[in-house]
Amino acid sequence: MIIFAFSLFTKFFMGLIAALPDIDKHDKSVFVMHEKSEKLIPFHKHTKGQLSYVEGGIAYITIDNRTYVVPARHFFWIPQGMEHILEIGHTATVLRSLYFYAYDDVSDPFYGKLGIYPASELLIQMIKYTEMWDEKHVTEKDENFEFLVALKKILPKTHKQPLPIILPATHNKQMMKIVSYLEWNIGEKLTLSNVSARFGLSERSMSRLFKADMNISFLQYLKTLRIIKAIELLLNTDKAINEIADDVGYSSISAFSDTFHEFTQSRPSDLRKSSKAFRSPSI
């Protein structure tokens, strides 16, 4: 499968993994971590809220058997105490993370929900500025601590609409075969009718199976899977956009672009440009 077959025992963890015990040491601080990496960080949680900006690559967050996709030039917020897996899926990815004190999180509902958002230019520049504190705890005793306080406060005011790029996982053996088939044949003309027939099910039974097992419609699952695959191809290959559209099952580039915009609030060409701009970042 594309992003769900995690091998927790075959990865070697450094960097952020090594820093995990330090993140929660000071409950009123902001811990700053900027890292270029490609790795898997297994289930963990923090007593702090996590703001991470994905620069030049792609990341995946898994929570409660649902995988969230974070493309380049987007950020995610993970509330305190929320257990999650984080996979950084490309060697060019720079993950710029700020772990914020949580004592004021009740001030806005934003801080209590997982969310993935397109990063504004203002936020990008503010996050980059924090490199001066890399791998450090910053407290109110430190100069310019107010800058970090302001950064946290602008999040709910400037980023209101999270992206809907969420793909549920399944442990149902029949469903596992179906979603595996969809992934391996994503470039084909897949419909509820022909996929149902292939697995000896009626269209109604197939629809009920998706809703009951993963709380998503067949069509929405397929659209999401196609957009996730398209994001991966845009960020990890130099294929032309019309070729990528064909690879993920779109015969019309305009239909592909419109669906892509529906999910990401940007066009495929925008994501491609941002990826190239940060293909070889320095840390």
C-alpha atoms as a PDB file:
ATOM      1  CA  MET A   1       0.000   0.000   0.000  1.00  0.00           C
ATOM      2  CA  ILE A   2       1.117   3.568  -0.680  1.00  0.00           C
ATOM      3  CA  ILE A   3       1.536   5.004   2.786  1.00  0.00           C
ATOM      4  CA  PHE A   4       0.075   2.659   5.339  1.00  0.00           C
ATOM      5  CA  ALA A   5       2.487  -0.291   5.512  1.00  0.00           C
ATOM      6  CA  PHE A   6       4.710   1.076   8.239  1.00  0.00           C
ATOM      7  CA  SER A   7       7.687  -1.055   9.277  1.00  0.00           C
ATOM      8  CA  LEU A   8       8.356   0.050  12.828  1.00  0.00           C
ATOM      9  CA  PHE A   9      11.304  -2.236  13.324  1.00  0.00           C
ATOM     10  CA  THR A  10      13.450  -1.568  10.262  1.00  0.00           C
ATOM     11  CA  LYS A  11      14.038   2.170  10.589  1.00  0.00           C
ATOM     12  CA  PHE A  12      16.948   3.841  12.361  1.00  0.00           C
ATOM     13  CA  PHE A  13      15.859   6.904  14.311  1.00  0.00           C
ATOM     14  CA  MET A  14      17.943  10.000  14.970  1.00  0.00           C
ATOM     15  CA  GLY A  15      17.314  13.734  15.164  1.00  0.00           C
ATOM     16  CA  LEU A  16      13.722  14.312  16.161  1.00  0.00           C
ATOM     17  CA  ILE A  17      13.416  10.819  17.638  1.00  0.00           C
ATOM     18  CA  ALA A  18      16.360  11.503  19.930  1.00  0.00           C
ATOM     19  CA  ALA A  19      14.832  14.845  20.921  1.00  0.00           C
ATOM     20  CA  LEU A  20      11.400  13.444  21.878  1.00  0.00           C
ATOM     21  CA  PRO A  21      12.173  13.048  25.602  1.00  0.00           C
ATOM     22  CA  ASP A  22      13.321  16.678  25.775  1.00  0.00           C
ATOM     23  CA  ILE A  23      10.229  18.268  24.211  1.00  0.00           C
ATOM     24  CA  ASP A  24       8.092  18.107  27.353  1.00  0.00           C
ATOM     25  CA  LYS A  25      10.811  18.968  29.896  1.00  0.00           C
ATOM     26  CA  HIS A  26       9.663  22.575  30.381  1.00  0.00           C
ATOM     27  CA  ASP A  27       5.888  22.980  30.274  1.00  0.00           C
ATOM     28  CA  LYS A  28       5.957  26.758  29.736  1.00  0.00           C
ATOM     29  CA  SER A  29       8.563  26.801  26.980  1.00  0.00           C
ATOM     30  CA  VAL A  30       8.548  26.527  23.194  1.00  0.00           C
ATOM     31  CA  PHE A  31      10.872  23.794  21.920  1.00  0.00           C
ATOM     32  CA  VAL A  32      12.231  24.467  18.411  1.00  0.00           C
ATOM     33  CA  MET A  33      13.404  21.757  16.002  1.00  0.00           C
ATOM     34  CA  HIS A  34      14.360  22.217  12.336  1.00  0.00           C
ATOM     35  CA  GLU A  35      15.363  19.022  10.604  1.00  0.00           C
ATOM     36  CA  LYS A  36      15.962  17.645   7.118  1.00  0.00           C
ATOM     37  CA  SER A  37      14.993  14.010   7.135  1.00  0.00           C
ATOM     38  CA  GLU A  38      13.271  10.967   5.699  1.00  0.00           C
ATOM     39  CA  LYS A  39      12.025   8.733   8.444  1.00  0.00           C
ATOM     40  CA  LEU A  40       9.204   7.210  10.404  1.00  0.00           C
ATOM     41  CA  ILE A  41       8.479   8.284  13.967  1.00  0.00           C
ATOM     42  CA  PRO A  42       6.223   5.654  15.601  1.00  0.00           C
ATOM     43  CA  PHE A  43       3.280   6.311  17.915  1.00  0.00           C
ATOM     44  CA  HIS A  44       4.096   9.071  20.380  1.00  0.00           C
ATOM     45  CA  LYS A  45       2.496  12.120  21.983  1.00  0.00           C
ATOM     46  CA  HIS A  46       3.482  15.373  23.681  1.00  0.00           C
ATOM     47  CA  THR A  47       2.124  17.482  26.513  1.00  0.00           C
ATOM     48  CA  LYS A  48       2.660  20.406  24.115  1.00  0.00           C
ATOM     49  CA  GLY A  49       0.898  21.389  20.912  1.00  0.00           C
ATOM     50  CA  GLN A  50       2.941  20.723  17.781  1.00  0.00           C
ATOM     51  CA  LEU A  51       3.183  23.161  14.875  1.00  0.00           C
ATOM     52  CA  SER A  52       5.202  21.726  11.979  1.00  0.00           C
ATOM     53  CA  TYR A  53       5.813  23.306   8.584  1.00  0.00           C
ATOM     54  CA  VAL A  54       6.640  20.915   5.723  1.00  0.00           C
ATOM     55  CA  GLU A  55       9.139  22.444   3.348  1.00  0.00           C
ATOM     56  CA  GLY A  56      10.083  20.909   0.028  1.00  0.00           C
ATOM     57  CA  GLY A  57       8.619  17.423   0.435  1.00  0.00           C
ATOM     58  CA  ILE A  58       5.716  15.523   1.933  1.00  0.00           C
ATOM     59  CA  ALA A  59       4.679  14.156   5.330  1.00  0.00           C
ATOM     60  CA  TYR A  60       1.983  11.820   6.616  1.00  0.00           C
ATOM     61  CA  ILE A  61       0.281  11.799  10.010  1.00  0.00           C
ATOM     62  CA  THR A  62      -1.634   8.727  11.181  1.00  0.00           C
ATOM     63  CA  ILE A  63      -4.157   8.993  14.016  1.00  0.00           C
ATOM     64  CA  ASP A  64      -6.823   6.402  14.845  1.00  0.00           C
ATOM     65  CA  ASN A  65      -6.316   4.512  11.562  1.00  0.00           C
ATOM     66  CA  ARG A  66      -6.738   7.672   9.498  1.00  0.00           C
ATOM     67  CA  THR A  67      -3.825   9.037   7.488  1.00  0.00           C
ATOM     68  CA  TYR A  68      -3.532  12.768   6.826  1.00  0.00           C
ATOM     69  CA  VAL A  69      -1.354  14.009   3.980  1.00  0.00           C
ATOM     70  CA  VAL A  70       0.729  17.180   4.392  1.00  0.00           C
ATOM     71  CA  PRO A  71       2.191  18.520   1.123  1.00  0.00           C
ATOM     72  CA  ALA A  72       5.048  21.005   0.772  1.00  0.00           C
ATOM     73  CA  ARG A  73       4.352  24.585   1.937  1.00  0.00           C
ATOM     74  CA  HIS A  74       1.651  23.372   4.323  1.00  0.00           C
ATOM     75  CA  PHE A  75       1.719  23.082   8.093  1.00  0.00           C
ATOM     76  CA  PHE A  76      -0.050  20.902  10.595  1.00  0.00           C
ATOM     77  CA  TRP A  77      -1.149  21.448  14.164  1.00  0.00           C
ATOM     78  CA  ILE A  78      -1.363  18.459  16.524  1.00  0.00           C
ATOM     79  CA  PRO A  79      -3.027  19.162  19.889  1.00  0.00           C
ATOM     80  CA  GLN A  80      -1.339  18.232  23.128  1.00  0.00           C
ATOM     81  CA  GLY A  81      -1.830  14.615  24.183  1.00  0.00           C
ATOM     82  CA  MET A  82      -2.877  13.337  20.741  1.00  0.00           C
ATOM     83  CA  GLU A  83      -1.047  10.093  19.952  1.00  0.00           C
ATOM     84  CA  HIS A  84       0.174   9.919  16.362  1.00  0.00           C
ATOM     85  CA  ILE A  85       2.604   8.425  13.866  1.00  0.00           C
ATOM     86  CA  LEU A  86       4.617  10.865  11.769  1.00  0.00           C
ATOM     87  CA  GLU A  87       6.175   9.747   8.497  1.00  0.00           C
ATOM     88  CA  ILE A  88       8.448  12.108   6.602  1.00  0.00           C
ATOM     89  CA  GLY A  89       8.375  10.700   3.122  1.00  0.00           C
ATOM     90  CA  HIS A  90      11.045  12.389   1.015  1.00  0.00           C
ATOM     91  CA  THR A  91      14.737  13.048   1.472  1.00  0.00           C
ATOM     92  CA  ALA A  92      14.296  16.712   0.487  1.00  0.00           C
ATOM     93  CA  THR A  93      11.745  17.330   3.231  1.00  0.00           C
ATOM     94  CA  VAL A  94      12.610  19.885   5.865  1.00  0.00           C
ATOM     95  CA  LEU A  95      10.326  19.715   8.870  1.00  0.00           C
ATOM     96  CA  ARG A  96      10.336  22.928  10.895  1.00  0.00           C
ATOM     97  CA  SER A  97       8.628  22.232  14.217  1.00  0.00           C
ATOM     98  CA  LEU A  98       7.626  24.344  17.202  1.00  0.00           C
ATOM     99  CA  TYR A  99       6.283  22.608  20.312  1.00  0.00           C
ATOM    100  CA  PHE A 100       4.189  25.145  22.204  1.00  0.00           C
ATOM    101  CA  TYR A 101       3.213  25.429  25.857  1.00  0.00           C
ATOM    102  CA  ALA A 102      -0.427  24.399  26.233  1.00  0.00           C
ATOM    103  CA  TYR A 103      -1.669  26.348  29.256  1.00  0.00           C
ATOM    104  CA  ASP A 104      -3.573  28.824  27.054  1.00  0.00           C
ATOM    105  CA  ASP A 105      -4.959  26.361  24.490  1.00  0.00           C
ATOM    106  CA  VAL A 106      -8.512  26.841  25.816  1.00  0.00           C
ATOM    107  CA  SER A 107      -8.427  30.372  24.380  1.00  0.00           C
ATOM    108  CA  ASP A 108      -9.406  29.112  20.911  1.00  0.00           C
ATOM    109  CA  PRO A 109     -10.916  25.857  19.520  1.00  0.00           C
ATOM    110  CA  PHE A 110      -8.146  25.826  16.888  1.00  0.00           C
ATOM    111  CA  TYR A 111      -5.649  24.482  19.420  1.00  0.00           C
ATOM    112  CA  GLY A 112      -7.808  21.486  20.342  1.00  0.00           C
ATOM    113  CA  LYS A 113      -8.147  20.020  16.833  1.00  0.00           C
ATOM    114  CA  LEU A 114      -5.803  18.341  14.404  1.00  0.00           C
ATOM    115  CA  GLY A 115      -5.558  20.429  11.247  1.00  0.00           C
ATOM    116  CA  ILE A 116      -3.535  20.739   8.042  1.00  0.00           C
ATOM    117  CA  TYR A 117      -3.413  24.150   6.378  1.00  0.00           C
ATOM    118  CA  PRO A 118      -1.745  25.975   3.489  1.00  0.00           C
ATOM    119  CA  ALA A 119       0.956  28.134   5.076  1.00  0.00           C
ATOM    120  CA  SER A 120       0.699  31.868   4.503  1.00  0.00           C
ATOM    121  CA  GLU A 121       3.853  33.687   3.439  1.00  0.00           C
ATOM    122  CA  LEU A 122       3.824  35.542   6.759  1.00  0.00           C
ATOM    123  CA  LEU A 123       3.775  32.303   8.730  1.00  0.00           C
ATOM    124  CA  ILE A 124       6.515  30.749   6.587  1.00  0.00           C
ATOM    125  CA  GLN A 125       8.855  33.655   7.233  1.00  0.00           C
ATOM    126  CA  MET A 126       8.054  33.686  10.950  1.00  0.00           C
ATOM    127  CA  ILE A 127       8.784  29.969  11.253  1.00  0.00           C
ATOM    128  CA  LYS A 128      12.057  30.313   9.355  1.00  0.00           C
ATOM    129  CA  TYR A 129      13.083  33.095  11.718  1.00  0.00           C
ATOM    130  CA  THR A 130      12.942  30.612  14.606  1.00  0.00           C
ATOM    131  CA  GLU A 131      16.024  28.777  13.282  1.00  0.00           C
ATOM    132  CA  MET A 132      18.041  30.883  15.724  1.00  0.00           C
ATOM    133  CA  TRP A 133      16.583  28.704  18.504  1.00  0.00           C
ATOM    134  CA  ASP A 134      17.058  25.335  16.799  1.00  0.00           C
ATOM    135  CA  GLU A 135      17.091  22.445  19.295  1.00  0.00           C
ATOM    136  CA  LYS A 136      16.482  24.795  22.214  1.00  0.00           C
ATOM    137  CA  HIS A 137      13.779  25.496  24.768  1.00  0.00           C
ATOM    138  CA  VAL A 138      12.735  29.139  24.633  1.00  0.00           C
ATOM    139  CA  THR A 139      11.059  30.621  27.711  1.00  0.00           C
ATOM    140  CA  GLU A 140       9.713  34.002  28.765  1.00  0.00           C
ATOM    141  CA  LYS A 141      13.161  34.735  30.213  1.00  0.00           C
ATOM    142  CA  ASP A 142      14.687  34.638  26.702  1.00  0.00           C
ATOM    143  CA  GLU A 143      14.943  37.636  24.444  1.00  0.00           C
ATOM    144  CA  ASN A 144      12.235  37.785  21.754  1.00  0.00           C
ATOM    145  CA  PHE A 145      10.042  35.158  23.450  1.00  0.00           C
ATOM    146  CA  GLU A 146       7.128  37.470  22.603  1.00  0.00           C
ATOM    147  CA  PHE A 147       7.768  36.669  18.935  1.00  0.00           C
ATOM    148  CA  LEU A 148       6.864  33.020  19.555  1.00  0.00           C
ATOM    149  CA  VAL A 149       3.819  34.025  21.587  1.00  0.00           C
ATOM    150  CA  ALA A 150       2.636  36.174  18.657  1.00  0.00           C
ATOM    151  CA  LEU A 151       3.282  33.338  16.194  1.00  0.00           C
ATOM    152  CA  LYS A 152       1.046  31.004  18.144  1.00  0.00           C
ATOM    153  CA  LYS A 153      -1.692  33.605  18.516  1.00  0.00           C
ATOM    154  CA  ILE A 154      -1.959  34.335  14.775  1.00  0.00           C
ATOM    155  CA  LEU A 155      -2.625  30.692  13.846  1.00  0.00           C
ATOM    156  CA  PRO A 156      -6.398  30.679  14.490  1.00  0.00           C
ATOM    157  CA  LYS A 157      -6.793  34.137  12.983  1.00  0.00           C
ATOM    158  CA  THR A 158      -5.058  33.470   9.666  1.00  0.00           C
ATOM    159  CA  HIS A 159      -5.662  29.764   9.008  1.00  0.00           C
ATOM    160  CA  LYS A 160      -9.303  28.779   9.318  1.00  0.00           C
ATOM    161  CA  GLN A 161      -9.977  26.032   6.733  1.00  0.00           C
ATOM    162  CA  PRO A 162      -8.107  22.723   7.151  1.00  0.00           C
ATOM    163  CA  LEU A 163      -7.463  20.496   4.132  1.00  0.00           C
ATOM    164  CA  PRO A 164      -9.668  17.400   3.679  1.00  0.00           C
ATOM    165  CA  ILE A 165      -6.857  15.075   2.544  1.00  0.00           C
ATOM    166  CA  ILE A 166      -7.688  12.207   4.890  1.00  0.00           C
ATOM    167  CA  LEU A 167      -7.643   8.529   3.999  1.00  0.00           C
ATOM    168  CA  PRO A 168      -8.984   5.935   6.462  1.00  0.00           C
ATOM    169  CA  ALA A 169      -7.285   2.574   6.868  1.00  0.00           C
ATOM    170  CA  THR A 170      -9.009  -0.772   7.288  1.00  0.00           C
ATOM    171  CA  HIS A 171      -8.404  -4.079   9.060  1.00  0.00           C
ATOM    172  CA  ASN A 172     -11.247  -5.826   7.223  1.00  0.00           C
ATOM    173  CA  LYS A 173      -9.635  -8.507   5.005  1.00  0.00           C
ATOM    174  CA  GLN A 174     -12.128  -8.026   2.178  1.00  0.00           C
ATOM    175  CA  MET A 175     -11.713  -4.263   2.252  1.00  0.00           C
ATOM    176  CA  MET A 176      -7.936  -4.601   2.328  1.00  0.00           C
ATOM    177  CA  LYS A 177      -8.099  -6.504  -0.962  1.00  0.00           C
ATOM    178  CA  ILE A 178     -10.389  -3.871  -2.476  1.00  0.00           C
ATOM    179  CA  VAL A 179      -8.294  -0.844  -1.480  1.00  0.00           C
ATOM    180  CA  SER A 180      -5.108  -2.638  -2.547  1.00  0.00           C
ATOM    181  CA  TYR A 181      -6.691  -3.216  -5.958  1.00  0.00           C
ATOM    182  CA  LEU A 182      -7.611   0.475  -6.188  1.00  0.00           C
ATOM    183  CA  GLU A 183      -4.065   1.526  -5.342  1.00  0.00           C
ATOM    184  CA  TRP A 184      -2.431  -0.788  -7.858  1.00  0.00           C
ATOM    185  CA  ASN A 185      -4.879   0.193 -10.602  1.00  0.00           C
ATOM    186  CA  ILE A 186      -5.300   3.889  -9.802  1.00  0.00           C
ATOM    187  CA  GLY A 187      -4.651   4.923 -13.417  1.00  0.00           C
ATOM    188  CA  GLU A 188      -7.489   2.789 -14.766  1.00  0.00           C
ATOM    189  CA  LYS A 189     -11.140   3.736 -15.242  1.00  0.00           C
ATOM    190  CA  LEU A 190     -12.440   2.669 -11.843  1.00  0.00           C
ATOM    191  CA  THR A 191     -16.150   2.876 -11.113  1.00  0.00           C
ATOM    192  CA  LEU A 192     -18.388   1.566  -8.379  1.00  0.00           C
ATOM    193  CA  SER A 193     -19.918  -0.735 -10.977  1.00  0.00           C
ATOM    194  CA  ASN A 194     -16.782  -2.372 -12.355  1.00  0.00           C
ATOM    195  CA  VAL A 195     -14.985  -2.639  -9.002  1.00  0.00           C
ATOM    196  CA  SER A 196     -18.071  -4.175  -7.374  1.00  0.00           C
ATOM    197  CA  ALA A 197     -18.368  -6.707 -10.180  1.00  0.00           C
ATOM    198  CA  ARG A 198     -14.702  -7.654  -9.875  1.00  0.00           C
ATOM    199  CA  PHE A 199     -15.205  -8.592  -6.217  1.00  0.00           C
ATOM    200  CA  GLY A 200     -18.568 -10.289  -6.724  1.00  0.00           C
ATOM    201  CA  LEU A 201     -20.551  -7.624  -4.888  1.00  0.00           C
ATOM    202  CA  SER A 202     -23.544  -5.523  -5.801  1.00  0.00           C
ATOM    203  CA  GLU A 203     -23.016  -1.775  -6.024  1.00  0.00           C
ATOM    204  CA  ARG A 204     -25.212  -1.349  -2.954  1.00  0.00           C
ATOM    205  CA  SER A 205     -23.140  -3.867  -0.963  1.00  0.00           C
ATOM    206  CA  MET A 206     -19.891  -2.188  -1.996  1.00  0.00           C
ATOM    207  CA  SER A 207     -21.216   1.235  -0.975  1.00  0.00           C
ATOM    208  CA  ARG A 208     -22.388  -0.106   2.379  1.00  0.00           C
ATOM    209  CA  LEU A 209     -19.033  -1.792   2.976  1.00  0.00           C
ATOM    210  CA  PHE A 210     -17.110   1.464   2.510  1.00  0.00           C
ATOM    211  CA  LYS A 211     -19.509   3.410   4.709  1.00  0.00           C
ATOM    212  CA  ALA A 212     -19.695   0.793   7.466  1.00  0.00           C
ATOM    213  CA  ASP A 213     -15.985  -0.051   7.608  1.00  0.00           C
ATOM    214  CA  MET A 214     -14.307   3.294   6.876  1.00  0.00           C
ATOM    215  CA  ASN A 215     -17.112   5.878   7.146  1.00  0.00           C
ATOM    216  CA  ILE A 216     -16.422   7.172   3.641  1.00  0.00           C
ATOM    217  CA  SER A 217     -18.116   6.692   0.278  1.00  0.00           C
ATOM    218  CA  PHE A 218     -16.465   4.669  -2.472  1.00  0.00           C
ATOM    219  CA  LEU A 219     -16.235   7.755  -4.690  1.00  0.00           C
ATOM    220  CA  GLN A 220     -14.727   9.970  -1.983  1.00  0.00           C
ATOM    221  CA  TYR A 221     -12.178   7.305  -1.091  1.00  0.00           C
ATOM    222  CA  LEU A 222     -11.175   6.938  -4.738  1.00  0.00           C
ATOM    223  CA  LYS A 223     -10.929  10.712  -5.276  1.00  0.00           C
ATOM    224  CA  THR A 224      -8.809  11.112  -2.139  1.00  0.00           C
ATOM    225  CA  LEU A 225      -6.532   8.231  -3.109  1.00  0.00           C
ATOM    226  CA  ARG A 226      -6.002   9.742  -6.556  1.00  0.00           C
ATOM    227  CA  ILE A 227      -5.128  13.156  -5.160  1.00  0.00           C
ATOM    228  CA  ILE A 228      -2.698  11.646  -2.630  1.00  0.00           C
ATOM    229  CA  LYS A 229      -0.956   9.708  -5.402  1.00  0.00           C
ATOM    230  CA  ALA A 230      -0.875  12.870  -7.541  1.00  0.00           C
ATOM    231  CA  ILE A 231       0.717  14.869  -4.697  1.00  0.00           C
ATOM    232  CA  GLU A 232       3.393  12.193  -4.299  1.00  0.00           C
ATOM    233  CA  LEU A 233       4.162  12.224  -8.030  1.00  0.00           C
ATOM    234  CA  LEU A 234       4.245  16.038  -8.164  1.00  0.00           C
ATOM    235  CA  LEU A 235       6.676  16.245  -5.256  1.00  0.00           C
ATOM    236  CA  ASN A 236       8.818  13.175  -5.901  1.00  0.00           C
ATOM    237  CA  THR A 237       9.109  13.029  -9.702  1.00  0.00           C
ATOM    238  CA  ASP A 238       9.639  15.347 -12.650  1.00  0.00           C
ATOM    239  CA  LYS A 239       6.741  13.917 -14.648  1.00  0.00           C
ATOM    240  CA  ALA A 240       4.664  16.409 -16.627  1.00  0.00           C
ATOM    241  CA  ILE A 241       1.366  17.369 -15.008  1.00  0.00           C
ATOM    242  CA  ASN A 242      -0.709  15.946 -17.857  1.00  0.00           C
ATOM    243  CA  GLU A 243       1.183  12.651 -17.474  1.00  0.00           C
ATOM    244  CA  ILE A 244       0.495  12.625 -13.736  1.00  0.00           C
ATOM    245  CA  ALA A 245      -3.198  13.297 -14.393  1.00  0.00           C
ATOM    246  CA  ASP A 246      -3.268  10.242 -16.659  1.00  0.00           C
ATOM    247  CA  ASP A 247      -1.289   8.145 -14.154  1.00  0.00           C
ATOM    248  CA  VAL A 248      -3.921   8.732 -11.458  1.00  0.00           C
ATOM    249  CA  GLY A 249      -6.931   8.096 -13.678  1.00  0.00           C
ATOM    250  CA  TYR A 250      -7.956  11.475 -15.123  1.00  0.00           C
ATOM    251  CA  SER A 251      -8.533  11.716 -18.870  1.00  0.00           C
ATOM    252  CA  SER A 252      -9.130  15.475 -18.592  1.00  0.00           C
ATOM    253  CA  ILE A 253      -6.424  17.718 -17.168  1.00  0.00           C
ATOM    254  CA  SER A 254      -9.043  20.361 -16.291  1.00  0.00           C
ATOM    255  CA  ALA A 255     -11.036  17.821 -14.241  1.00  0.00           C
ATOM    256  CA  PHE A 256      -7.813  16.766 -12.527  1.00  0.00           C
ATOM    257  CA  SER A 257      -6.865  20.376 -11.755  1.00  0.00           C
ATOM    258  CA  ASP A 258     -10.341  21.189 -10.403  1.00  0.00           C
ATOM    259  CA  THR A 259     -10.410  18.135  -8.121  1.00  0.00           C
ATOM    260  CA  PHE A 260      -6.867  18.874  -6.973  1.00  0.00           C
ATOM    261  CA  HIS A 261      -7.928  22.428  -6.084  1.00  0.00           C
ATOM    262  CA  GLU A 262     -10.969  21.098  -4.203  1.00  0.00           C
ATOM    263  CA  PHE A 263      -8.657  19.116  -1.924  1.00  0.00           C
ATOM    264  CA  THR A 264      -5.634  21.395  -1.611  1.00  0.00           C
ATOM    265  CA  GLN A 265      -6.878  24.925  -2.403  1.00  0.00           C
ATOM    266  CA  SER A 266      -4.068  25.141  -4.990  1.00  0.00           C
ATOM    267  CA  ARG A 267      -3.389  23.974  -8.533  1.00  0.00           C
ATOM    268  CA  PRO A 268      -0.985  21.127  -9.394  1.00  0.00           C
ATOM    269  CA  SER A 269       1.355  23.638 -11.050  1.00  0.00           C
ATOM    270  CA  ASP A 270       1.486  25.684  -7.817  1.00  0.00           C
ATOM    271  CA  LEU A 271       2.548  22.665  -5.771  1.00  0.00           C
ATOM    272  CA  ARG A 272       5.123  21.690  -8.384  1.00  0.00           C
ATOM    273  CA  LYS A 273       6.623  25.204  -8.356  1.00  0.00           C
ATOM    274  CA  SER A 274       6.837  25.303  -4.570  1.00  0.00           C
ATOM    275  CA  SER A 275       8.444  21.871  -4.527  1.00  0.00           C
ATOM    276  CA  LYS A 276      11.153  22.905  -6.978  1.00  0.00           C
ATOM    277  CA  ALA A 277      11.804  26.092  -5.046  1.00  0.00           C
ATOM    278  CA  PHE A 278      12.679  24.056  -1.950  1.00  0.00           C
ATOM    279  CA  ARG A 279      14.100  20.922  -3.583  1.00  0.00           C
ATOM    280  CA  SER A 280      17.560  21.480  -2.042  1.00  0.00           C
ATOM    281  CA  PRO A 281      17.044  23.490   1.145  1.00  0.00           C
ATOM    282  CA  SER A 282      19.825  24.051   3.616  1.00  0.00           C
ATOM    283  CA  ILE A 283      19.552  23.586   7.345  1.00  0.00           C
END
